[in-house]
Structures are given as structure tokens and as C-alpha cells.
Amino acid sequence: MSAATLATHLSCSRQYIGKLVTADVIKALPGGGFDLDECRSRYIKRLREQRAQSARSAADVEFTKAKTELLRLKVGEKTGSLIKFDDHLNIVDEMCGVMRTCLSGLPARAAGSDLLLRRRIEGVIHECLHEIADVAGRKADELRAQEGADVDDAA
């Protein structure tokens, strides 16, 4: 079989057949022709090897990205530009506690003996704290939904 016929059969160009011969993927017969069955078998084997190599390469790239990200996070933590999430939560929790303590004493300090004014200030503070809690709850729900979407995307 000629190189042109083999190229048609393998759905490639005549020049690509030449490259396959040069790369020793397929072999020409002594008379210059090609054995269709042997060439097809060797070509399919080559395609499978390339696909397997491509999958390994993709896995290697993902591994390298993950390792690079981990290194970036470690460097950020060491340089102080990043902190651990649990440390961040503890800081925010402590700040919120101080704010609530200060706000709970505000009505008595501001209103003095005026009980009506004191109750109004307490009501406003109560509303503000509930609004803050509602916003925090919505943000937490958004993060959970985003985290769920990220998990779905990763799968």
C-alpha cells in the first residue's frame, strides 16, 4: 500500500506519514510500501501512549500547582502577610466581645438617671446588634454556598 493511501486510511497527511516513519512509529516495507494492519496497529499504539502521557502530564501540572500554592501560603504565613484562619476567627471573636461589652455599658453611661433615654439607647443598640448578626449570617450562608460550588467544580 502506498504512503498516500495509508495517509487517507489513518486520516492524516502524506507528510505526517513521513514523520511517523522517521520517528520509527511505522515501518515501510522493503519495496517502499506499507503493511496496512501493522501500520494501523502501531499508529493506534502510539496514540494510546500519547494519551497516557498527556494524562500523566496533566496530573503533574496539577500537582505542581498545588505544591506551589502550598509554598506560597507557607511563605505568606512566615512573612506575616497571611495568618491562620483559626487565629483570624479568634481575633474577630475577641473584638466582637469587646464591642458588645462596650455597647452594653453605653446606655447607662450616656443616659445617666434618665430611664426613658436609657431604654431607647438599649433598643437602638439591640437593633444594631441584630442587624450585624443578620449580615454575618448572610455572609456565612454565601460562603457555604460558594464552598459547595467549589467542591462541585472540583469534582
C-alpha atoms as a PDB file:
ATOM      1  CA  MET A   1       0.000   0.000   0.000  1.00  0.00           C
ATOM      2  CA  SER A   2       1.304   3.489  -0.837  1.00  0.00           C
ATOM      3  CA  ALA A   3       2.014   6.252   1.673  1.00  0.00           C
ATOM      4  CA  ALA A   4      -0.827   8.357   0.232  1.00  0.00           C
ATOM      5  CA  THR A   5      -3.339   5.514   0.667  1.00  0.00           C
ATOM      6  CA  LEU A   6      -2.097   4.864   4.202  1.00  0.00           C
ATOM      7  CA  ALA A   7      -2.424   8.584   4.988  1.00  0.00           C
ATOM      8  CA  THR A   8      -6.028   8.539   3.773  1.00  0.00           C
ATOM      9  CA  HIS A   9      -6.750   5.425   5.817  1.00  0.00           C
ATOM     10  CA  LEU A  10      -5.232   6.923   9.008  1.00  0.00           C
ATOM     11  CA  SER A  11      -6.861  10.344   8.370  1.00  0.00           C
ATOM     12  CA  CYS A  12      -3.599  12.237   8.243  1.00  0.00           C
ATOM     13  CA  SER A  13      -1.353  13.836   5.626  1.00  0.00           C
ATOM     14  CA  ARG A  14       1.302  12.202   3.492  1.00  0.00           C
ATOM     15  CA  GLN A  15       3.896  14.381   5.241  1.00  0.00           C
ATOM     16  CA  TYR A  16       2.761  13.086   8.639  1.00  0.00           C
ATOM     17  CA  ILE A  17       3.266   9.519   7.404  1.00  0.00           C
ATOM     18  CA  GLY A  18       6.859  10.542   6.625  1.00  0.00           C
ATOM     19  CA  LYS A  19       7.269  11.867  10.180  1.00  0.00           C
ATOM     20  CA  LEU A  20       5.879   8.626  11.607  1.00  0.00           C
ATOM     21  CA  VAL A  21       8.378   6.630   9.546  1.00  0.00           C
ATOM     22  CA  THR A  22      11.237   8.901  10.662  1.00  0.00           C
ATOM     23  CA  ALA A  23      10.142   8.530  14.305  1.00  0.00           C
ATOM     24  CA  ASP A  24      10.090   4.754  13.789  1.00  0.00           C
ATOM     25  CA  VAL A  25       6.401   4.561  14.697  1.00  0.00           C
ATOM     26  CA  ILE A  26       5.547   2.777  11.455  1.00  0.00           C
ATOM     27  CA  LYS A  27       7.866   0.941   9.120  1.00  0.00           C
ATOM     28  CA  ALA A  28       7.963   0.870   5.356  1.00  0.00           C
ATOM     29  CA  LEU A  29       8.251  -2.482   3.611  1.00  0.00           C
ATOM     30  CA  PRO A  30      11.438  -3.220   1.652  1.00  0.00           C
ATOM     31  CA  GLY A  31       9.683  -2.250  -1.604  1.00  0.00           C
ATOM     32  CA  GLY A  32       8.647   1.142  -0.197  1.00  0.00           C
ATOM     33  CA  GLY A  33       5.015   0.257   0.535  1.00  0.00           C
ATOM     34  CA  PHE A  34       3.289  -0.231   3.865  1.00  0.00           C
ATOM     35  CA  ASP A  35       1.508  -3.115   5.589  1.00  0.00           C
ATOM     36  CA  LEU A  36      -1.884  -1.615   6.493  1.00  0.00           C
ATOM     37  CA  ASP A  37      -2.603  -3.850   9.508  1.00  0.00           C
ATOM     38  CA  GLU A  38       0.833  -3.421  11.071  1.00  0.00           C
ATOM     39  CA  CYS A  39       0.886   0.335  10.465  1.00  0.00           C
ATOM     40  CA  ARG A  40      -2.625   0.788  11.878  1.00  0.00           C
ATOM     41  CA  SER A  41      -1.733  -1.265  14.965  1.00  0.00           C
ATOM     42  CA  ARG A  42       1.488   0.659  15.602  1.00  0.00           C
ATOM     43  CA  TYR A  43      -0.209   4.019  14.977  1.00  0.00           C
ATOM     44  CA  ILE A  44      -3.033   3.224  17.436  1.00  0.00           C
ATOM     45  CA  LYS A  45      -0.453   2.099  20.000  1.00  0.00           C
ATOM     46  CA  ARG A  46       1.349   5.432  19.552  1.00  0.00           C
ATOM     47  CA  LEU A  47      -1.886   7.388  20.011  1.00  0.00           C
ATOM     48  CA  ARG A  48      -2.659   5.478  23.225  1.00  0.00           C
ATOM     49  CA  GLU A  49       0.842   6.149  24.566  1.00  0.00           C
ATOM     50  CA  GLN A  50       0.475   9.854  23.810  1.00  0.00           C
ATOM     51  CA  ARG A  51      -2.903   9.982  25.557  1.00  0.00           C
ATOM     52  CA  ALA A  52      -1.493   8.224  28.628  1.00  0.00           C
ATOM     53  CA  GLN A  53       1.491  10.585  28.649  1.00  0.00           C
ATOM     54  CA  SER A  54      -0.854  13.553  28.316  1.00  0.00           C
ATOM     55  CA  ALA A  55      -2.881  12.398  31.339  1.00  0.00           C
ATOM     56  CA  ARG A  56       0.295  11.992  33.392  1.00  0.00           C
ATOM     57  CA  SER A  57       1.466  15.431  32.299  1.00  0.00           C
ATOM     58  CA  ALA A  58      -1.852  16.975  33.353  1.00  0.00           C
ATOM     59  CA  ALA A  59      -1.596  15.278  36.749  1.00  0.00           C
ATOM     60  CA  ASP A  60       1.984  16.524  37.117  1.00  0.00           C
ATOM     61  CA  VAL A  61       0.876  20.077  36.293  1.00  0.00           C
ATOM     62  CA  GLU A  62      -1.929  19.913  38.884  1.00  0.00           C
ATOM     63  CA  PHE A  63       0.468  18.543  41.494  1.00  0.00           C
ATOM     64  CA  THR A  64       2.983  21.306  40.767  1.00  0.00           C
ATOM     65  CA  LYS A  65       0.251  23.965  41.033  1.00  0.00           C
ATOM     66  CA  ALA A  66      -0.912  22.584  44.377  1.00  0.00           C
ATOM     67  CA  LYS A  67       2.630  22.419  45.710  1.00  0.00           C
ATOM     68  CA  THR A  68       3.325  25.981  44.536  1.00  0.00           C
ATOM     69  CA  GLU A  69       0.151  27.231  46.229  1.00  0.00           C
ATOM     70  CA  LEU A  70       1.097  25.481  49.473  1.00  0.00           C
ATOM     71  CA  LEU A  71       4.555  27.054  49.351  1.00  0.00           C
ATOM     72  CA  ARG A  72       3.030  30.489  48.672  1.00  0.00           C
ATOM     73  CA  LEU A  73       0.767  30.092  51.707  1.00  0.00           C
ATOM     74  CA  LYS A  74       3.645  28.988  53.945  1.00  0.00           C
ATOM     75  CA  VAL A  75       5.778  31.945  52.835  1.00  0.00           C
ATOM     76  CA  GLY A  76       2.843  34.311  53.384  1.00  0.00           C
ATOM     77  CA  GLU A  77       2.347  32.968  56.883  1.00  0.00           C
ATOM     78  CA  LYS A  78       6.070  33.241  57.722  1.00  0.00           C
ATOM     79  CA  THR A  79       6.301  36.827  56.420  1.00  0.00           C
ATOM     80  CA  GLY A  80       3.180  37.852  58.305  1.00  0.00           C
ATOM     81  CA  SER A  81       1.108  38.714  55.248  1.00  0.00           C
ATOM     82  CA  LEU A  82      -1.168  35.722  55.985  1.00  0.00           C
ATOM     83  CA  ILE A  83      -2.491  34.324  59.241  1.00  0.00           C
ATOM     84  CA  LYS A  84      -4.156  31.029  60.049  1.00  0.00           C
ATOM     85  CA  PHE A  85      -7.916  31.080  59.692  1.00  0.00           C
ATOM     86  CA  ASP A  86      -8.463  29.917  63.281  1.00  0.00           C
ATOM     87  CA  ASP A  87      -6.242  32.751  64.547  1.00  0.00           C
ATOM     88  CA  HIS A  88      -8.290  35.196  62.489  1.00  0.00           C
ATOM     89  CA  LEU A  89     -11.552  33.843  63.928  1.00  0.00           C
ATOM     90  CA  ASN A  90     -10.198  34.166  67.471  1.00  0.00           C
ATOM     91  CA  ILE A  91      -9.210  37.791  66.846  1.00  0.00           C
ATOM     92  CA  VAL A  92     -12.601  38.654  65.344  1.00  0.00           C
ATOM     93  CA  ASP A  93     -14.386  36.857  68.190  1.00  0.00           C
ATOM     94  CA  GLU A  94     -12.380  38.787  70.789  1.00  0.00           C
ATOM     95  CA  MET A  95     -13.034  42.119  69.035  1.00  0.00           C
ATOM     96  CA  CYS A  96     -16.767  41.382  68.840  1.00  0.00           C
ATOM     97  CA  GLY A  97     -16.807  40.549  72.548  1.00  0.00           C
ATOM     98  CA  VAL A  98     -15.115  43.841  73.436  1.00  0.00           C
ATOM     99  CA  MET A  99     -17.544  45.753  71.205  1.00  0.00           C
ATOM    100  CA  ARG A 100     -20.596  44.079  72.791  1.00  0.00           C
ATOM    101  CA  THR A 101     -19.249  44.793  76.291  1.00  0.00           C
ATOM    102  CA  CYS A 102     -18.661  48.458  75.448  1.00  0.00           C
ATOM    103  CA  LEU A 103     -22.063  48.809  73.811  1.00  0.00           C
ATOM    104  CA  SER A 104     -23.864  47.148  76.723  1.00  0.00           C
ATOM    105  CA  GLY A 105     -22.475  49.784  79.112  1.00  0.00           C
ATOM    106  CA  LEU A 106     -23.186  52.700  76.793  1.00  0.00           C
ATOM    107  CA  PRO A 107     -26.872  53.309  77.719  1.00  0.00           C
ATOM    108  CA  ALA A 108     -26.127  53.653  81.433  1.00  0.00           C
ATOM    109  CA  ARG A 109     -23.128  55.914  80.802  1.00  0.00           C
ATOM    110  CA  ALA A 110     -24.929  58.091  78.240  1.00  0.00           C
ATOM    111  CA  ALA A 111     -28.383  58.377  79.826  1.00  0.00           C
ATOM    112  CA  GLY A 112     -27.422  58.545  83.461  1.00  0.00           C
ATOM    113  CA  SER A 113     -30.603  58.567  85.544  1.00  0.00           C
ATOM    114  CA  ASP A 114     -32.939  59.186  82.559  1.00  0.00           C
ATOM    115  CA  LEU A 115     -34.549  55.745  82.328  1.00  0.00           C
ATOM    116  CA  LEU A 116     -36.567  56.529  79.170  1.00  0.00           C
ATOM    117  CA  LEU A 117     -33.449  57.635  77.266  1.00  0.00           C
ATOM    118  CA  ARG A 118     -31.563  54.607  78.567  1.00  0.00           C
ATOM    119  CA  ARG A 119     -34.250  52.219  77.211  1.00  0.00           C
ATOM    120  CA  ARG A 120     -34.219  53.965  73.799  1.00  0.00           C
ATOM    121  CA  ILE A 121     -30.430  53.645  73.554  1.00  0.00           C
ATOM    122  CA  GLU A 122     -30.650  49.984  74.587  1.00  0.00           C
ATOM    123  CA  GLY A 123     -33.272  49.432  71.846  1.00  0.00           C
ATOM    124  CA  VAL A 124     -31.082  51.050  69.180  1.00  0.00           C
ATOM    125  CA  ILE A 125     -28.066  49.001  70.277  1.00  0.00           C
ATOM    126  CA  HIS A 126     -30.194  45.848  70.256  1.00  0.00           C
ATOM    127  CA  GLU A 127     -31.358  46.623  66.677  1.00  0.00           C
ATOM    128  CA  CYS A 128     -27.781  47.300  65.549  1.00  0.00           C
ATOM    129  CA  LEU A 129     -26.512  44.046  67.041  1.00  0.00           C
ATOM    130  CA  HIS A 130     -29.323  42.097  65.352  1.00  0.00           C
ATOM    131  CA  GLU A 131     -28.555  43.776  62.022  1.00  0.00           C
ATOM    132  CA  ILE A 132     -24.872  42.872  62.380  1.00  0.00           C
ATOM    133  CA  ALA A 133     -25.844  39.276  63.221  1.00  0.00           C
ATOM    134  CA  ASP A 134     -28.155  39.108  60.180  1.00  0.00           C
ATOM    135  CA  VAL A 135     -25.424  40.388  57.848  1.00  0.00           C
ATOM    136  CA  ALA A 136     -22.920  37.936  59.345  1.00  0.00           C
ATOM    137  CA  GLY A 137     -25.412  35.086  58.879  1.00  0.00           C
ATOM    138  CA  ARG A 138     -25.998  36.011  55.219  1.00  0.00           C
ATOM    139  CA  LYS A 139     -22.261  36.211  54.581  1.00  0.00           C
ATOM    140  CA  ALA A 140     -21.766  32.808  56.208  1.00  0.00           C
ATOM    141  CA  ASP A 141     -24.524  31.341  54.005  1.00  0.00           C
ATOM    142  CA  GLU A 142     -22.898  32.870  50.903  1.00  0.00           C
ATOM    143  CA  LEU A 143     -19.532  31.379  51.846  1.00  0.00           C
ATOM    144  CA  ARG A 144     -21.098  27.962  52.464  1.00  0.00           C
ATOM    145  CA  ALA A 145     -22.862  28.117  49.083  1.00  0.00           C
ATOM    146  CA  GLN A 146     -19.636  29.200  47.384  1.00  0.00           C
ATOM    147  CA  GLU A 147     -17.709  26.439  49.159  1.00  0.00           C
ATOM    148  CA  GLY A 148     -20.302  23.909  47.982  1.00  0.00           C
ATOM    149  CA  ALA A 149     -19.976  25.222  44.417  1.00  0.00           C
ATOM    150  CA  ASP A 150     -16.182  24.988  44.639  1.00  0.00           C
ATOM    151  CA  VAL A 151     -16.460  21.381  45.818  1.00  0.00           C
ATOM    152  CA  ASP A 152     -18.858  20.615  42.944  1.00  0.00           C
ATOM    153  CA  ASP A 153     -16.475  22.282  40.456  1.00  0.00           C
ATOM    154  CA  ALA A 154     -13.544  20.248  41.766  1.00  0.00           C
ATOM    155  CA  ALA A 155     -15.471  17.001  41.320  1.00  0.00           C
END
